[in-house]
Amino acid sequence: MKRTFTITLGLIAASAIALFFWPDHRSVQAQSGCKSFDALAQATLPTTRKLASTDKWGGPLFAKLGDELLPYGILSGNDGDKVQHGNIAQGINGKYVIGFNCTEPTTENPYWSCTDKLNVEVPISVFDSPPPLFGKYNGNTARVNGGTGRFANAYGNLNYSGSYTVWNTTPQVDKGRFNADISGNICGIE
């Protein structure tokens, strides 16, 4: 009898421990609406496709969200504050917007307007410097932080990279071209 009691008590203790460590599937939340995002952009400096007054780079963008080919889009933004480290520079707190379903500027609004926009923050980017030069840009810390339209609740991570060239036409004006390759995942989309 003592042995049966010990075995029963052991099974109860083992069951209690197992239940304590058993995963609670009700608390696990899948990331709803996550899709892969791949895009190519051909940006110029200075841009004629500004979405805001602070934008320096911009141009046409072609993108795919999961299996969906998105309409013609626009990439517009800036690298943030520049910190020089010899021949390498860092962009700190860069801000970009990727827009779709866009209309051209009007006399009332000097900027492009898009109904579906992704706000993208690039806390740190690294690129070759100073101009004139050919170089590589890497902003592999890019974060999607909401937007408008179907991207109002969007979040995720993107990698920005690509080749560029920048040259000075005068000491105050840089000109350039950037072939951006953007990829990653975007969640919380409709």
C-alpha atoms as a PDB file:
ATOM      1  CA  MET A   1       0.000   0.000   0.000  1.00  0.00           C
ATOM      2  CA  LYS A   2       2.853   2.338   0.866  1.00  0.00           C
ATOM      3  CA  ARG A   3       4.431   1.643  -2.543  1.00  0.00           C
ATOM      4  CA  THR A   4       1.157   2.371  -4.403  1.00  0.00           C
ATOM      5  CA  PHE A   5       0.780   5.634  -2.479  1.00  0.00           C
ATOM      6  CA  THR A   6       4.363   6.643  -3.372  1.00  0.00           C
ATOM      7  CA  ILE A   7       3.825   5.848  -7.081  1.00  0.00           C
ATOM      8  CA  THR A   8       0.522   7.738  -7.120  1.00  0.00           C
ATOM      9  CA  LEU A   9       2.073  10.742  -5.391  1.00  0.00           C
ATOM     10  CA  GLY A  10       4.996  10.633  -7.863  1.00  0.00           C
ATOM     11  CA  LEU A  11       2.605  10.569 -10.850  1.00  0.00           C
ATOM     12  CA  ILE A  12       0.631  13.487  -9.434  1.00  0.00           C
ATOM     13  CA  ALA A  13       3.852  15.483  -8.903  1.00  0.00           C
ATOM     14  CA  ALA A  14       5.121  14.631 -12.398  1.00  0.00           C
ATOM     15  CA  SER A  15       1.753  15.649 -13.908  1.00  0.00           C
ATOM     16  CA  ALA A  16       1.780  18.933 -11.990  1.00  0.00           C
ATOM     17  CA  ILE A  17       5.301  19.715 -13.192  1.00  0.00           C
ATOM     18  CA  ALA A  18       4.391  18.765 -16.780  1.00  0.00           C
ATOM     19  CA  LEU A  19       1.292  21.002 -16.693  1.00  0.00           C
ATOM     20  CA  PHE A  20       3.350  23.868 -15.298  1.00  0.00           C
ATOM     21  CA  PHE A  21       5.782  23.700 -18.227  1.00  0.00           C
ATOM     22  CA  TRP A  22       3.171  22.783 -20.866  1.00  0.00           C
ATOM     23  CA  PRO A  23       2.939  25.552 -23.510  1.00  0.00           C
ATOM     24  CA  ASP A  24      -0.216  27.646 -23.410  1.00  0.00           C
ATOM     25  CA  HIS A  25      -1.264  27.798 -27.067  1.00  0.00           C
ATOM     26  CA  ARG A  26      -3.831  30.480 -26.301  1.00  0.00           C
ATOM     27  CA  SER A  27      -1.026  32.946 -25.529  1.00  0.00           C
ATOM     28  CA  VAL A  28       0.891  32.258 -28.740  1.00  0.00           C
ATOM     29  CA  GLN A  29      -0.015  34.759 -31.427  1.00  0.00           C
ATOM     30  CA  ALA A  30       0.978  34.220 -35.014  1.00  0.00           C
ATOM     31  CA  GLN A  31       2.102  37.271 -36.933  1.00  0.00           C
ATOM     32  CA  SER A  32      -0.973  37.834 -39.030  1.00  0.00           C
ATOM     33  CA  GLY A  33      -0.689  39.109 -42.546  1.00  0.00           C
ATOM     34  CA  CYS A  34       3.107  38.744 -42.879  1.00  0.00           C
ATOM     35  CA  LYS A  35       4.326  38.671 -46.458  1.00  0.00           C
ATOM     36  CA  SER A  36       7.647  38.882 -48.201  1.00  0.00           C
ATOM     37  CA  PHE A  37       8.442  42.235 -49.813  1.00  0.00           C
ATOM     38  CA  ASP A  38      10.870  42.683 -52.700  1.00  0.00           C
ATOM     39  CA  ALA A  39      11.432  45.924 -54.603  1.00  0.00           C
ATOM     40  CA  LEU A  40      13.784  47.670 -56.986  1.00  0.00           C
ATOM     41  CA  ALA A  41      14.041  51.458 -57.122  1.00  0.00           C
ATOM     42  CA  GLN A  42      15.970  53.846 -59.349  1.00  0.00           C
ATOM     43  CA  ALA A  43      16.465  56.931 -57.214  1.00  0.00           C
ATOM     44  CA  THR A  44      18.048  60.239 -58.169  1.00  0.00           C
ATOM     45  CA  LEU A  45      19.615  63.028 -56.128  1.00  0.00           C
ATOM     46  CA  PRO A  46      18.027  65.554 -56.069  1.00  0.00           C
ATOM     47  CA  THR A  47      14.679  63.915 -56.696  1.00  0.00           C
ATOM     48  CA  THR A  48      11.705  65.156 -58.652  1.00  0.00           C
ATOM     49  CA  ARG A  49       9.500  62.607 -56.853  1.00  0.00           C
ATOM     50  CA  LYS A  50       9.401  64.117 -53.367  1.00  0.00           C
ATOM     51  CA  LEU A  51       6.733  63.008 -50.898  1.00  0.00           C
ATOM     52  CA  ALA A  52       7.924  65.553 -48.283  1.00  0.00           C
ATOM     53  CA  SER A  53      10.056  68.691 -48.136  1.00  0.00           C
ATOM     54  CA  THR A  54      12.939  66.883 -46.355  1.00  0.00           C
ATOM     55  CA  ASP A  55      13.317  64.226 -49.075  1.00  0.00           C
ATOM     56  CA  LYS A  56      16.579  64.241 -51.025  1.00  0.00           C
ATOM     57  CA  TRP A  57      16.604  60.862 -52.803  1.00  0.00           C
ATOM     58  CA  GLY A  58      13.671  59.478 -54.776  1.00  0.00           C
ATOM     59  CA  GLY A  59      12.457  57.756 -57.881  1.00  0.00           C
ATOM     60  CA  PRO A  60      10.316  55.036 -59.404  1.00  0.00           C
ATOM     61  CA  LEU A  61       9.891  51.768 -57.529  1.00  0.00           C
ATOM     62  CA  PHE A  62       8.695  48.357 -58.687  1.00  0.00           C
ATOM     63  CA  ALA A  63       7.612  45.913 -55.958  1.00  0.00           C
ATOM     64  CA  LYS A  64       6.147  42.533 -55.145  1.00  0.00           C
ATOM     65  CA  LEU A  65       4.287  41.749 -51.903  1.00  0.00           C
ATOM     66  CA  GLY A  66       4.095  37.979 -51.455  1.00  0.00           C
ATOM     67  CA  ASP A  67       2.816  36.825 -54.861  1.00  0.00           C
ATOM     68  CA  GLU A  68       1.138  40.161 -55.633  1.00  0.00           C
ATOM     69  CA  LEU A  69       2.774  42.538 -58.100  1.00  0.00           C
ATOM     70  CA  LEU A  70       2.101  46.012 -56.702  1.00  0.00           C
ATOM     71  CA  PRO A  71       1.253  49.030 -58.864  1.00  0.00           C
ATOM     72  CA  TYR A  72       3.969  51.460 -59.909  1.00  0.00           C
ATOM     73  CA  GLY A  73       5.414  53.056 -56.784  1.00  0.00           C
ATOM     74  CA  ILE A  74       7.736  55.758 -55.508  1.00  0.00           C
ATOM     75  CA  LEU A  75      10.691  55.680 -53.113  1.00  0.00           C
ATOM     76  CA  SER A  76      11.369  59.028 -51.442  1.00  0.00           C
ATOM     77  CA  GLY A  77      13.446  60.027 -48.415  1.00  0.00           C
ATOM     78  CA  ASN A  78      16.807  60.900 -46.928  1.00  0.00           C
ATOM     79  CA  ASP A  79      19.770  59.217 -45.228  1.00  0.00           C
ATOM     80  CA  GLY A  80      19.413  61.237 -41.998  1.00  0.00           C
ATOM     81  CA  ASP A  81      22.389  62.846 -40.319  1.00  0.00           C
ATOM     82  CA  LYS A  82      25.760  61.942 -41.835  1.00  0.00           C
ATOM     83  CA  VAL A  83      28.695  60.900 -39.647  1.00  0.00           C
ATOM     84  CA  GLN A  84      32.074  60.599 -41.398  1.00  0.00           C
ATOM     85  CA  HIS A  85      34.606  57.877 -40.470  1.00  0.00           C
ATOM     86  CA  GLY A  86      37.463  58.244 -42.963  1.00  0.00           C
ATOM     87  CA  ASN A  87      36.285  56.822 -46.303  1.00  0.00           C
ATOM     88  CA  ILE A  88      33.156  55.334 -44.731  1.00  0.00           C
ATOM     89  CA  ALA A  89      30.087  57.312 -43.697  1.00  0.00           C
ATOM     90  CA  GLN A  90      27.077  56.455 -41.596  1.00  0.00           C
ATOM     91  CA  GLY A  91      23.581  57.757 -42.061  1.00  0.00           C
ATOM     92  CA  ILE A  92      21.835  58.083 -38.701  1.00  0.00           C
ATOM     93  CA  ASN A  93      18.015  58.075 -38.456  1.00  0.00           C
ATOM     94  CA  GLY A  94      17.265  57.965 -42.168  1.00  0.00           C
ATOM     95  CA  LYS A  95      13.608  58.182 -43.144  1.00  0.00           C
ATOM     96  CA  TYR A  96      12.075  56.861 -46.329  1.00  0.00           C
ATOM     97  CA  VAL A  97       8.553  56.430 -47.634  1.00  0.00           C
ATOM     98  CA  ILE A  98       7.489  53.851 -50.179  1.00  0.00           C
ATOM     99  CA  GLY A  99       4.266  54.958 -51.843  1.00  0.00           C
ATOM    100  CA  PHE A 100       1.754  53.313 -54.166  1.00  0.00           C
ATOM    101  CA  ASN A 101      -1.272  54.659 -56.036  1.00  0.00           C
ATOM    102  CA  CYS A 102       0.433  58.037 -56.337  1.00  0.00           C
ATOM    103  CA  THR A 103      -0.549  61.229 -58.116  1.00  0.00           C
ATOM    104  CA  GLU A 104       1.739  63.947 -59.418  1.00  0.00           C
ATOM    105  CA  PRO A 105       2.225  67.300 -57.692  1.00  0.00           C
ATOM    106  CA  THR A 106      -0.284  70.081 -58.283  1.00  0.00           C
ATOM    107  CA  THR A 107      -0.101  73.838 -57.881  1.00  0.00           C
ATOM    108  CA  GLU A 108      -1.747  73.439 -54.453  1.00  0.00           C
ATOM    109  CA  ASN A 109       0.554  70.573 -53.353  1.00  0.00           C
ATOM    110  CA  PRO A 110       4.175  70.643 -54.623  1.00  0.00           C
ATOM    111  CA  TYR A 111       4.756  67.004 -53.544  1.00  0.00           C
ATOM    112  CA  TRP A 112       3.629  63.646 -54.881  1.00  0.00           C
ATOM    113  CA  SER A 113       0.643  62.197 -53.020  1.00  0.00           C
ATOM    114  CA  CYS A 114       0.079  58.462 -52.449  1.00  0.00           C
ATOM    115  CA  THR A 115      -2.925  56.673 -50.910  1.00  0.00           C
ATOM    116  CA  ASP A 116      -0.917  53.616 -49.772  1.00  0.00           C
ATOM    117  CA  LYS A 117       2.376  54.423 -48.027  1.00  0.00           C
ATOM    118  CA  LEU A 118       4.948  52.532 -45.961  1.00  0.00           C
ATOM    119  CA  ASN A 119       6.987  54.549 -43.459  1.00  0.00           C
ATOM    120  CA  VAL A 120      10.511  53.143 -43.233  1.00  0.00           C
ATOM    121  CA  GLU A 121      13.121  54.125 -40.652  1.00  0.00           C
ATOM    122  CA  VAL A 122      16.794  53.306 -41.249  1.00  0.00           C
ATOM    123  CA  PRO A 123      18.485  53.903 -37.863  1.00  0.00           C
ATOM    124  CA  ILE A 124      21.971  53.226 -39.259  1.00  0.00           C
ATOM    125  CA  SER A 125      23.162  52.952 -42.839  1.00  0.00           C
ATOM    126  CA  VAL A 126      26.728  52.570 -44.052  1.00  0.00           C
ATOM    127  CA  PHE A 127      28.112  53.850 -47.351  1.00  0.00           C
ATOM    128  CA  ASP A 128      31.337  54.957 -49.031  1.00  0.00           C
ATOM    129  CA  SER A 129      32.230  58.634 -48.833  1.00  0.00           C
ATOM    130  CA  PRO A 130      33.120  61.396 -49.819  1.00  0.00           C
ATOM    131  CA  PRO A 131      31.861  62.122 -53.386  1.00  0.00           C
ATOM    132  CA  PRO A 132      32.553  61.985 -56.272  1.00  0.00           C
ATOM    133  CA  LEU A 133      32.490  58.235 -56.314  1.00  0.00           C
ATOM    134  CA  PHE A 134      30.870  54.941 -57.009  1.00  0.00           C
ATOM    135  CA  GLY A 135      29.893  53.115 -53.872  1.00  0.00           C
ATOM    136  CA  LYS A 136      27.684  50.657 -52.016  1.00  0.00           C
ATOM    137  CA  TYR A 137      24.892  51.536 -49.607  1.00  0.00           C
ATOM    138  CA  ASN A 138      23.732  49.188 -46.821  1.00  0.00           C
ATOM    139  CA  GLY A 139      20.801  49.921 -44.548  1.00  0.00           C
ATOM    140  CA  ASN A 140      20.134  46.456 -43.184  1.00  0.00           C
ATOM    141  CA  THR A 141      18.471  47.768 -40.039  1.00  0.00           C
ATOM    142  CA  ALA A 142      15.434  49.267 -41.799  1.00  0.00           C
ATOM    143  CA  ARG A 143      12.141  49.029 -39.916  1.00  0.00           C
ATOM    144  CA  VAL A 144       8.645  49.471 -41.277  1.00  0.00           C
ATOM    145  CA  ASN A 145       6.694  51.737 -38.944  1.00  0.00           C
ATOM    146  CA  GLY A 146       3.096  52.022 -40.138  1.00  0.00           C
ATOM    147  CA  GLY A 147       1.880  54.039 -43.048  1.00  0.00           C
ATOM    148  CA  THR A 148      -1.414  54.868 -44.744  1.00  0.00           C
ATOM    149  CA  GLY A 149      -4.097  52.976 -46.657  1.00  0.00           C
ATOM    150  CA  ARG A 150      -3.546  49.236 -46.715  1.00  0.00           C
ATOM    151  CA  PHE A 151      -0.249  49.748 -44.840  1.00  0.00           C
ATOM    152  CA  ALA A 152      -1.709  51.751 -41.907  1.00  0.00           C
ATOM    153  CA  ASN A 153      -0.818  49.034 -39.358  1.00  0.00           C
ATOM    154  CA  ALA A 154       2.262  47.674 -41.124  1.00  0.00           C
ATOM    155  CA  TYR A 155       5.401  46.634 -39.308  1.00  0.00           C
ATOM    156  CA  GLY A 156       8.432  44.546 -40.224  1.00  0.00           C
ATOM    157  CA  ASN A 157      12.081  44.616 -41.204  1.00  0.00           C
ATOM    158  CA  LEU A 158      13.659  45.452 -44.543  1.00  0.00           C
ATOM    159  CA  ASN A 159      17.153  45.416 -45.989  1.00  0.00           C
ATOM    160  CA  TYR A 160      18.144  48.346 -48.198  1.00  0.00           C
ATOM    161  CA  SER A 161      21.243  47.913 -50.338  1.00  0.00           C
ATOM    162  CA  GLY A 162      22.598  48.853 -53.716  1.00  0.00           C
ATOM    163  CA  SER A 163      25.131  50.654 -55.824  1.00  0.00           C
ATOM    164  CA  TYR A 164      25.210  54.401 -56.251  1.00  0.00           C
ATOM    165  CA  THR A 165      27.200  57.232 -57.713  1.00  0.00           C
ATOM    166  CA  VAL A 166      27.326  60.802 -56.399  1.00  0.00           C
ATOM    167  CA  TRP A 167      29.160  63.779 -57.835  1.00  0.00           C
ATOM    168  CA  ASN A 168      29.349  67.475 -57.016  1.00  0.00           C
ATOM    169  CA  THR A 169      28.124  69.937 -59.574  1.00  0.00           C
ATOM    170  CA  THR A 170      28.819  72.834 -57.208  1.00  0.00           C
ATOM    171  CA  PRO A 171      29.969  72.798 -53.575  1.00  0.00           C
ATOM    172  CA  GLN A 172      26.341  73.097 -52.413  1.00  0.00           C
ATOM    173  CA  VAL A 173      24.619  70.679 -54.818  1.00  0.00           C
ATOM    174  CA  ASP A 174      25.228  66.948 -55.086  1.00  0.00           C
ATOM    175  CA  LYS A 175      23.833  64.893 -57.942  1.00  0.00           C
ATOM    176  CA  GLY A 176      23.519  61.162 -57.874  1.00  0.00           C
ATOM    177  CA  ARG A 177      21.897  57.888 -58.884  1.00  0.00           C
ATOM    178  CA  PHE A 178      21.028  54.960 -56.593  1.00  0.00           C
ATOM    179  CA  ASN A 179      19.862  51.493 -57.658  1.00  0.00           C
ATOM    180  CA  ALA A 180      18.114  50.274 -54.526  1.00  0.00           C
ATOM    181  CA  ASP A 181      17.382  46.622 -53.798  1.00  0.00           C
ATOM    182  CA  ILE A 182      14.839  46.380 -50.959  1.00  0.00           C
ATOM    183  CA  SER A 183      13.758  43.085 -49.414  1.00  0.00           C
ATOM    184  CA  GLY A 184      12.309  41.717 -46.206  1.00  0.00           C
ATOM    185  CA  ASN A 185       8.983  40.965 -44.534  1.00  0.00           C
ATOM    186  CA  ILE A 186       6.022  43.189 -43.830  1.00  0.00           C
ATOM    187  CA  CYS A 187       3.301  42.249 -41.341  1.00  0.00           C
ATOM    188  CA  GLY A 188      -0.030  43.731 -40.292  1.00  0.00           C
ATOM    189  CA  ILE A 189      -1.155  44.514 -43.831  1.00  0.00           C
ATOM    190  CA  GLU A 190      -4.587  44.210 -45.413  1.00  0.00           C
END
